[in-house]
PDB file of all heavy atoms in Angstrom:
ATOM      1  N   LEU A   1      -6.068  -8.011   5.978  1.00  0.00           N
ATOM      2  CA  LEU A   1      -5.235  -7.277   4.996  1.00  0.00           C
ATOM      3  C   LEU A   1      -5.107  -5.798   5.343  1.00  0.00           C
ATOM      4  O   LEU A   1      -4.019  -5.232   5.318  1.00  0.00           O
ATOM      5  CB  LEU A   1      -5.851  -7.478   3.601  1.00  0.00           C
ATOM      6  CG  LEU A   1      -5.124  -6.768   2.420  1.00  0.00           C
ATOM      7  CD1 LEU A   1      -3.688  -7.267   2.274  1.00  0.00           C
ATOM      8  CD2 LEU A   1      -5.921  -6.961   1.133  1.00  0.00           C
ATOM      9  N   ALA A   2      -6.233  -5.219   5.728  1.00  0.00           N
ATOM     10  CA  ALA A   2      -6.232  -3.766   6.076  1.00  0.00           C
ATOM     11  C   ALA A   2      -5.340  -3.444   7.247  1.00  0.00           C
ATOM     12  O   ALA A   2      -4.760  -2.385   7.349  1.00  0.00           O
ATOM     13  CB  ALA A   2      -7.690  -3.327   6.346  1.00  0.00           C
ATOM     14  N   ARG A   3      -5.252  -4.426   8.186  1.00  0.00           N
ATOM     15  CA  ARG A   3      -4.491  -4.170   9.414  1.00  0.00           C
ATOM     16  C   ARG A   3      -3.007  -4.488   9.307  1.00  0.00           C
ATOM     17  O   ARG A   3      -2.249  -4.270  10.248  1.00  0.00           O
ATOM     18  CB  ARG A   3      -5.070  -5.011  10.550  1.00  0.00           C
ATOM     19  CG  ARG A   3      -6.383  -4.457  11.032  1.00  0.00           C
ATOM     20  CD  ARG A   3      -6.886  -5.244  12.240  1.00  0.00           C
ATOM     21  NE  ARG A   3      -8.175  -4.741  12.714  1.00  0.00           N
ATOM     22  CZ  ARG A   3      -9.067  -5.504  13.289  1.00  0.00           C
ATOM     23  NH1 ARG A   3      -8.847  -6.795  13.491  1.00  0.00           N
ATOM     24  NH2 ARG A   3     -10.220  -4.991  13.682  1.00  0.00           N
ATOM     25  N   LYS A   4      -2.591  -5.078   8.170  1.00  0.00           N
ATOM     26  CA  LYS A   4      -1.190  -5.464   8.046  1.00  0.00           C
ATOM     27  C   LYS A   4      -0.252  -4.244   8.183  1.00  0.00           C
ATOM     28  O   LYS A   4      -0.554  -3.189   7.643  1.00  0.00           O
ATOM     29  CB  LYS A   4      -0.935  -6.119   6.661  1.00  0.00           C
ATOM     30  CG  LYS A   4      -1.275  -7.578   6.577  1.00  0.00           C
ATOM     31  CD  LYS A   4      -0.947  -8.070   5.196  1.00  0.00           C
ATOM     32  CE  LYS A   4      -1.510  -9.480   4.970  1.00  0.00           C
ATOM     33  NZ  LYS A   4      -0.624 -10.536   5.412  1.00  0.00           N
ATOM     34  N   PRO A   5       0.847  -4.418   8.893  1.00  0.00           N
ATOM     35  CA  PRO A   5       1.823  -3.325   8.927  1.00  0.00           C
ATOM     36  C   PRO A   5       2.677  -3.322   7.638  1.00  0.00           C
ATOM     37  O   PRO A   5       2.670  -4.297   6.905  1.00  0.00           O
ATOM     38  CB  PRO A   5       2.702  -3.673  10.139  1.00  0.00           C
ATOM     39  CG  PRO A   5       2.575  -5.165  10.254  1.00  0.00           C
ATOM     40  CD  PRO A   5       1.243  -5.555   9.716  1.00  0.00           C
ATOM     41  N   GLY A   6       3.345  -2.220   7.389  1.00  0.00           N
ATOM     42  CA  GLY A   6       4.293  -2.204   6.273  1.00  0.00           C
ATOM     43  C   GLY A   6       3.743  -1.747   4.947  1.00  0.00           C
ATOM     44  O   GLY A   6       4.289  -2.074   3.906  1.00  0.00           O
ATOM     45  N   TRP A   7       2.677  -0.961   4.980  1.00  0.00           N
ATOM     46  CA  TRP A   7       2.175  -0.381   3.692  1.00  0.00           C
ATOM     47  C   TRP A   7       3.066   0.790   3.273  1.00  0.00           C
ATOM     48  O   TRP A   7       3.398   1.640   4.115  1.00  0.00           O
ATOM     49  CB  TRP A   7       0.732   0.134   3.873  1.00  0.00           C
ATOM     50  CG  TRP A   7      -0.260  -0.987   3.978  1.00  0.00           C
ATOM     51  CD1 TRP A   7      -0.717  -1.594   5.105  1.00  0.00           C
ATOM     52  CD2 TRP A   7      -0.970  -1.622   2.885  1.00  0.00           C
ATOM     53  NE1 TRP A   7      -1.647  -2.566   4.809  1.00  0.00           N
ATOM     54  CE2 TRP A   7      -1.806  -2.575   3.425  1.00  0.00           C
ATOM     55  CE3 TRP A   7      -0.976  -1.430   1.501  1.00  0.00           C
ATOM     56  CZ2 TRP A   7      -2.640  -3.396   2.669  1.00  0.00           C
ATOM     57  CZ3 TRP A   7      -1.773  -2.241   0.735  1.00  0.00           C
ATOM     58  CH2 TRP A   7      -2.616  -3.217   1.307  1.00  0.00           C
ATOM     59  N   ASP A   8       3.452   0.829   2.000  1.00  0.00           N
ATOM     60  CA  ASP A   8       4.268   1.929   1.498  1.00  0.00           C
ATOM     61  C   ASP A   8       3.420   2.829   0.617  1.00  0.00           C
ATOM     62  O   ASP A   8       2.778   2.346  -0.318  1.00  0.00           O
ATOM     63  CB  ASP A   8       5.457   1.399   0.649  1.00  0.00           C
ATOM     64  CG  ASP A   8       6.375   0.558   1.495  1.00  0.00           C
ATOM     65  OD1 ASP A   8       6.679   0.959   2.622  1.00  0.00           O
ATOM     66  OD2 ASP A   8       6.781  -0.521   1.015  1.00  0.00           O
ATOM     67  N   ILE A   9       3.473   4.142   0.877  1.00  0.00           N
ATOM     68  CA  ILE A   9       2.727   5.044   0.013  1.00  0.00           C
ATOM     69  C   ILE A   9       3.479   5.266  -1.274  1.00  0.00           C
ATOM     70  O   ILE A   9       4.696   5.432  -1.276  1.00  0.00           O
ATOM     71  CB  ILE A   9       2.413   6.350   0.785  1.00  0.00           C
ATOM     72  CG1 ILE A   9       1.376   7.183  -0.002  1.00  0.00           C
ATOM     73  CG2 ILE A   9       3.664   7.188   1.015  1.00  0.00           C
ATOM     74  CD1 ILE A   9       0.548   8.070   0.869  1.00  0.00           C
ATOM     75  N   THR A  10       2.780   5.145  -2.391  1.00  0.00           N
ATOM     76  CA  THR A  10       3.460   5.272  -3.694  1.00  0.00           C
ATOM     77  C   THR A  10       3.025   6.532  -4.426  1.00  0.00           C
ATOM     78  O   THR A  10       3.707   7.002  -5.329  1.00  0.00           O
ATOM     79  CB  THR A  10       3.195   4.053  -4.599  1.00  0.00           C
ATOM     80  OG1 THR A  10       1.803   3.915  -4.787  1.00  0.00           O
ATOM     81  CG2 THR A  10       3.750   2.772  -4.030  1.00  0.00           C
ATOM     82  N   LYS A  11       1.870   7.070  -4.104  1.00  0.00           N
ATOM     83  CA  LYS A  11       1.378   8.232  -4.824  1.00  0.00           C
ATOM     84  C   LYS A  11       0.382   8.988  -4.002  1.00  0.00           C
ATOM     85  O   LYS A  11      -0.454   8.423  -3.312  1.00  0.00           O
ATOM     86  CB  LYS A  11       0.734   7.763  -6.127  1.00  0.00           C
ATOM     87  CG  LYS A  11       0.679   8.837  -7.211  1.00  0.00           C
ATOM     88  CD  LYS A  11       0.387   8.201  -8.567  1.00  0.00           C
ATOM     89  CE  LYS A  11       1.674   7.896  -9.327  1.00  0.00           C
ATOM     90  NZ  LYS A  11       1.408   7.441 -10.677  1.00  0.00           N
ATOM     91  N   THR A  12       0.467  10.327  -4.032  1.00  0.00           N
ATOM     92  CA  THR A  12      -0.503  11.148  -3.321  1.00  0.00           C
ATOM     93  C   THR A  12      -1.052  12.192  -4.267  1.00  0.00           C
ATOM     94  O   THR A  12      -0.290  12.949  -4.888  1.00  0.00           O
ATOM     95  CB  THR A  12       0.182  11.882  -2.124  1.00  0.00           C
ATOM     96  OG1 THR A  12       0.843  10.903  -1.338  1.00  0.00           O
ATOM     97  CG2 THR A  12      -0.841  12.587  -1.269  1.00  0.00           C
ATOM     98  N   LEU A  13      -2.366  12.252  -4.402  1.00  0.00           N
ATOM     99  CA  LEU A  13      -3.050  13.307  -5.167  1.00  0.00           C
ATOM    100  C   LEU A  13      -3.931  14.072  -4.160  1.00  0.00           C
ATOM    101  O   LEU A  13      -3.889  13.787  -2.997  1.00  0.00           O
ATOM    102  CB  LEU A  13      -3.903  12.689  -6.264  1.00  0.00           C
ATOM    103  CG  LEU A  13      -3.181  11.792  -7.248  1.00  0.00           C
ATOM    104  CD1 LEU A  13      -4.146  10.886  -7.971  1.00  0.00           C
ATOM    105  CD2 LEU A  13      -2.424  12.617  -8.227  1.00  0.00           C
ATOM    106  N   ASP A  14      -4.741  14.987  -4.672  1.00  0.00           N
ATOM    107  CA  ASP A  14      -5.558  15.768  -3.751  1.00  0.00           C
ATOM    108  C   ASP A  14      -6.439  14.902  -2.844  1.00  0.00           C
ATOM    109  O   ASP A  14      -6.386  15.010  -1.639  1.00  0.00           O
ATOM    110  CB  ASP A  14      -6.452  16.746  -4.517  1.00  0.00           C
ATOM    111  CG  ASP A  14      -5.622  17.896  -5.103  1.00  0.00           C
ATOM    112  OD1 ASP A  14      -4.425  18.007  -4.702  1.00  0.00           O
ATOM    113  OD2 ASP A  14      -6.114  18.644  -5.952  1.00  0.00           O
ATOM    114  N   ASN A  15      -7.240  14.070  -3.456  1.00  0.00           N
ATOM    115  CA  ASN A  15      -8.203  13.276  -2.672  1.00  0.00           C
ATOM    116  C   ASN A  15      -7.908  11.786  -2.711  1.00  0.00           C
ATOM    117  O   ASN A  15      -8.707  10.995  -2.247  1.00  0.00           O
ATOM    118  CB  ASN A  15      -9.625  13.505  -3.194  1.00  0.00           C
ATOM    119  CG  ASN A  15     -10.064  14.921  -3.048  1.00  0.00           C
ATOM    120  OD1 ASN A  15      -9.639  15.593  -2.134  1.00  0.00           O
ATOM    121  ND2 ASN A  15     -10.870  15.414  -3.980  1.00  0.00           N
ATOM    122  N   VAL A  16      -6.779  11.422  -3.288  1.00  0.00           N
ATOM    123  CA  VAL A  16      -6.465  10.001  -3.480  1.00  0.00           C
ATOM    124  C   VAL A  16      -5.036   9.719  -3.036  1.00  0.00           C
ATOM    125  O   VAL A  16      -4.097  10.422  -3.384  1.00  0.00           O
ATOM    126  CB  VAL A  16      -6.599   9.575  -4.992  1.00  0.00           C
ATOM    127  CG1 VAL A  16      -6.266   8.141  -5.196  1.00  0.00           C
ATOM    128  CG2 VAL A  16      -8.009   9.901  -5.505  1.00  0.00           C
ATOM    129  N   LYS A  17      -4.871   8.639  -2.255  1.00  0.00           N
ATOM    130  CA  LYS A  17      -3.515   8.129  -1.942  1.00  0.00           C
ATOM    131  C   LYS A  17      -3.459   6.680  -2.331  1.00  0.00           C
ATOM    132  O   LYS A  17      -4.429   5.939  -2.146  1.00  0.00           O
ATOM    133  CB  LYS A  17      -3.261   8.226  -0.417  1.00  0.00           C
ATOM    134  CG  LYS A  17      -3.018   9.628   0.079  1.00  0.00           C
ATOM    135  CD  LYS A  17      -2.765   9.604   1.573  1.00  0.00           C
ATOM    136  CE  LYS A  17      -2.677  11.023   2.120  1.00  0.00           C
ATOM    137  NZ  LYS A  17      -2.971  11.066   3.525  1.00  0.00           N
ATOM    138  N   ILE A  18      -2.330   6.255  -2.910  1.00  0.00           N
ATOM    139  CA  ILE A  18      -2.148   4.869  -3.333  1.00  0.00           C
ATOM    140  C   ILE A  18      -1.006   4.251  -2.532  1.00  0.00           C
ATOM    141  O   ILE A  18       0.096   4.804  -2.439  1.00  0.00           O
ATOM    142  CB  ILE A  18      -1.904   4.757  -4.841  1.00  0.00           C
ATOM    143  CG1 ILE A  18      -3.090   5.356  -5.629  1.00  0.00           C
ATOM    144  CG2 ILE A  18      -1.683   3.295  -5.259  1.00  0.00           C
ATOM    145  CD1 ILE A  18      -2.877   5.475  -7.122  1.00  0.00           C
ATOM    146  N   TRP A  19      -1.285   3.104  -1.922  1.00  0.00           N
ATOM    147  CA  TRP A  19      -0.296   2.409  -1.089  1.00  0.00           C
ATOM    148  C   TRP A  19      -0.069   0.998  -1.679  1.00  0.00           C
ATOM    149  O   TRP A  19      -0.982   0.425  -2.293  1.00  0.00           O
ATOM    150  CB  TRP A  19      -0.795   2.208   0.340  1.00  0.00           C
ATOM    151  CG  TRP A  19      -1.359   3.421   1.001  1.00  0.00           C
ATOM    152  CD1 TRP A  19      -2.506   4.104   0.687  1.00  0.00           C
ATOM    153  CD2 TRP A  19      -0.772   4.117   2.120  1.00  0.00           C
ATOM    154  NE1 TRP A  19      -2.695   5.133   1.558  1.00  0.00           N
ATOM    155  CE2 TRP A  19      -1.653   5.190   2.426  1.00  0.00           C
ATOM    156  CE3 TRP A  19       0.365   3.930   2.873  1.00  0.00           C
ATOM    157  CZ2 TRP A  19      -1.411   6.067   3.477  1.00  0.00           C
ATOM    158  CZ3 TRP A  19       0.610   4.818   3.928  1.00  0.00           C
ATOM    159  CH2 TRP A  19      -0.254   5.849   4.208  1.00  0.00           C
ATOM    160  N   THR A  20       1.140   0.444  -1.464  1.00  0.00           N
ATOM    161  CA  THR A  20       1.368  -0.965  -1.844  1.00  0.00           C
ATOM    162  C   THR A  20       1.958  -1.707  -0.681  1.00  0.00           C
ATOM    163  O   THR A  20       2.520  -1.110   0.276  1.00  0.00           O
ATOM    164  CB  THR A  20       2.337  -1.067  -3.055  1.00  0.00           C
ATOM    165  OG1 THR A  20       3.515  -0.368  -2.721  1.00  0.00           O
ATOM    166  CG2 THR A  20       1.732  -0.508  -4.308  1.00  0.00           C
ATOM    167  N   HIS A  21       1.795  -3.024  -0.753  1.00  0.00           N
ATOM    168  CA  HIS A  21       2.300  -3.914   0.319  1.00  0.00           C
ATOM    169  C   HIS A  21       2.791  -5.176  -0.350  1.00  0.00           C
ATOM    170  O   HIS A  21       2.062  -5.818  -1.065  1.00  0.00           O
ATOM    171  CB  HIS A  21       1.176  -4.239   1.281  1.00  0.00           C
ATOM    172  CG  HIS A  21       1.605  -5.002   2.489  1.00  0.00           C
ATOM    173  ND1 HIS A  21       1.909  -6.343   2.440  1.00  0.00           N
ATOM    174  CD2 HIS A  21       1.834  -4.661   3.765  1.00  0.00           C
ATOM    175  CE1 HIS A  21       2.283  -6.766   3.652  1.00  0.00           C
ATOM    176  NE2 HIS A  21       2.239  -5.744   4.489  1.00  0.00           N
ATOM    177  N   GLU A  22       4.064  -5.521  -0.140  1.00  0.00           N
ATOM    178  CA  GLU A  22       4.627  -6.737  -0.750  1.00  0.00           C
ATOM    179  C   GLU A  22       4.967  -7.717   0.351  1.00  0.00           C
ATOM    180  O   GLU A  22       5.555  -7.342   1.347  1.00  0.00           O
ATOM    181  CB  GLU A  22       5.866  -6.398  -1.545  1.00  0.00           C
ATOM    182  CG  GLU A  22       5.561  -5.764  -2.889  1.00  0.00           C
ATOM    183  CD  GLU A  22       6.798  -5.519  -3.721  1.00  0.00           C
ATOM    184  OE1 GLU A  22       7.385  -6.535  -4.187  1.00  0.00           O
ATOM    185  OE2 GLU A  22       7.187  -4.377  -3.908  1.00  0.00           O
ATOM    186  N   GLU A  23       4.565  -8.954   0.109  1.00  0.00           N
ATOM    187  CA  GLU A  23       4.883 -10.034   1.058  1.00  0.00           C
ATOM    188  C   GLU A  23       5.134 -11.297   0.237  1.00  0.00           C
ATOM    189  O   GLU A  23       4.165 -11.880  -0.305  1.00  0.00           O
ATOM    190  CB  GLU A  23       3.675 -10.213   2.012  1.00  0.00           C
ATOM    191  CG  GLU A  23       4.010 -10.951   3.248  1.00  0.00           C
ATOM    192  CD  GLU A  23       2.817 -10.876   4.244  1.00  0.00           C
ATOM    193  OE1 GLU A  23       1.726 -10.403   3.870  1.00  0.00           O
ATOM    194  OE2 GLU A  23       3.011 -11.334   5.366  1.00  0.00           O
ATOM    195  N   GLY A  24       6.374 -11.715   0.091  1.00  0.00           N
ATOM    196  CA  GLY A  24       6.691 -12.819  -0.774  1.00  0.00           C
ATOM    197  C   GLY A  24       6.264 -12.544  -2.205  1.00  0.00           C
ATOM    198  O   GLY A  24       6.582 -11.481  -2.747  1.00  0.00           O
ATOM    199  N   ALA A  25       5.470 -13.443  -2.771  1.00  0.00           N
ATOM    200  CA  ALA A  25       5.047 -13.250  -4.175  1.00  0.00           C
ATOM    201  C   ALA A  25       3.705 -12.497  -4.239  1.00  0.00           C
ATOM    202  O   ALA A  25       3.173 -12.333  -5.329  1.00  0.00           O
ATOM    203  CB  ALA A  25       4.879 -14.623  -4.823  1.00  0.00           C
ATOM    204  N   VAL A  26       3.171 -12.083  -3.087  1.00  0.00           N
ATOM    205  CA  VAL A  26       1.867 -11.445  -3.091  1.00  0.00           C
ATOM    206  C   VAL A  26       1.997  -9.921  -2.991  1.00  0.00           C
ATOM    207  O   VAL A  26       2.642  -9.393  -2.091  1.00  0.00           O
ATOM    208  CB  VAL A  26       0.996 -11.947  -1.915  1.00  0.00           C
ATOM    209  CG1 VAL A  26      -0.379 -11.272  -1.935  1.00  0.00           C
ATOM    210  CG2 VAL A  26       0.841 -13.461  -1.990  1.00  0.00           C
ATOM    211  N   LEU A  27       1.415  -9.233  -3.958  1.00  0.00           N
ATOM    212  CA  LEU A  27       1.420  -7.772  -3.995  1.00  0.00           C
ATOM    213  C   LEU A  27      -0.015  -7.332  -3.668  1.00  0.00           C
ATOM    214  O   LEU A  27      -0.942  -7.799  -4.282  1.00  0.00           O
ATOM    215  CB  LEU A  27       1.837  -7.273  -5.361  1.00  0.00           C
ATOM    216  CG  LEU A  27       1.735  -5.762  -5.598  1.00  0.00           C
ATOM    217  CD1 LEU A  27       2.768  -5.005  -4.779  1.00  0.00           C
ATOM    218  CD2 LEU A  27       1.892  -5.441  -7.070  1.00  0.00           C
ATOM    219  N   SER A  28      -0.134  -6.425  -2.708  1.00  0.00           N
ATOM    220  CA  SER A  28      -1.444  -5.859  -2.409  1.00  0.00           C
ATOM    221  C   SER A  28      -1.392  -4.358  -2.596  1.00  0.00           C
ATOM    222  O   SER A  28      -0.324  -3.765  -2.462  1.00  0.00           O
ATOM    223  CB  SER A  28      -1.848  -6.135  -0.954  1.00  0.00           C
ATOM    224  OG  SER A  28      -1.817  -7.528  -0.723  1.00  0.00           O
TER     225      SER A  28
END
């Protein structure tokens, strides 16, 4: 899961970044 390509960054704070990854019906 960690190595999958195609992660999209959705939010950036000082020390925190949030990424999402969609593949079919699965959201990571």
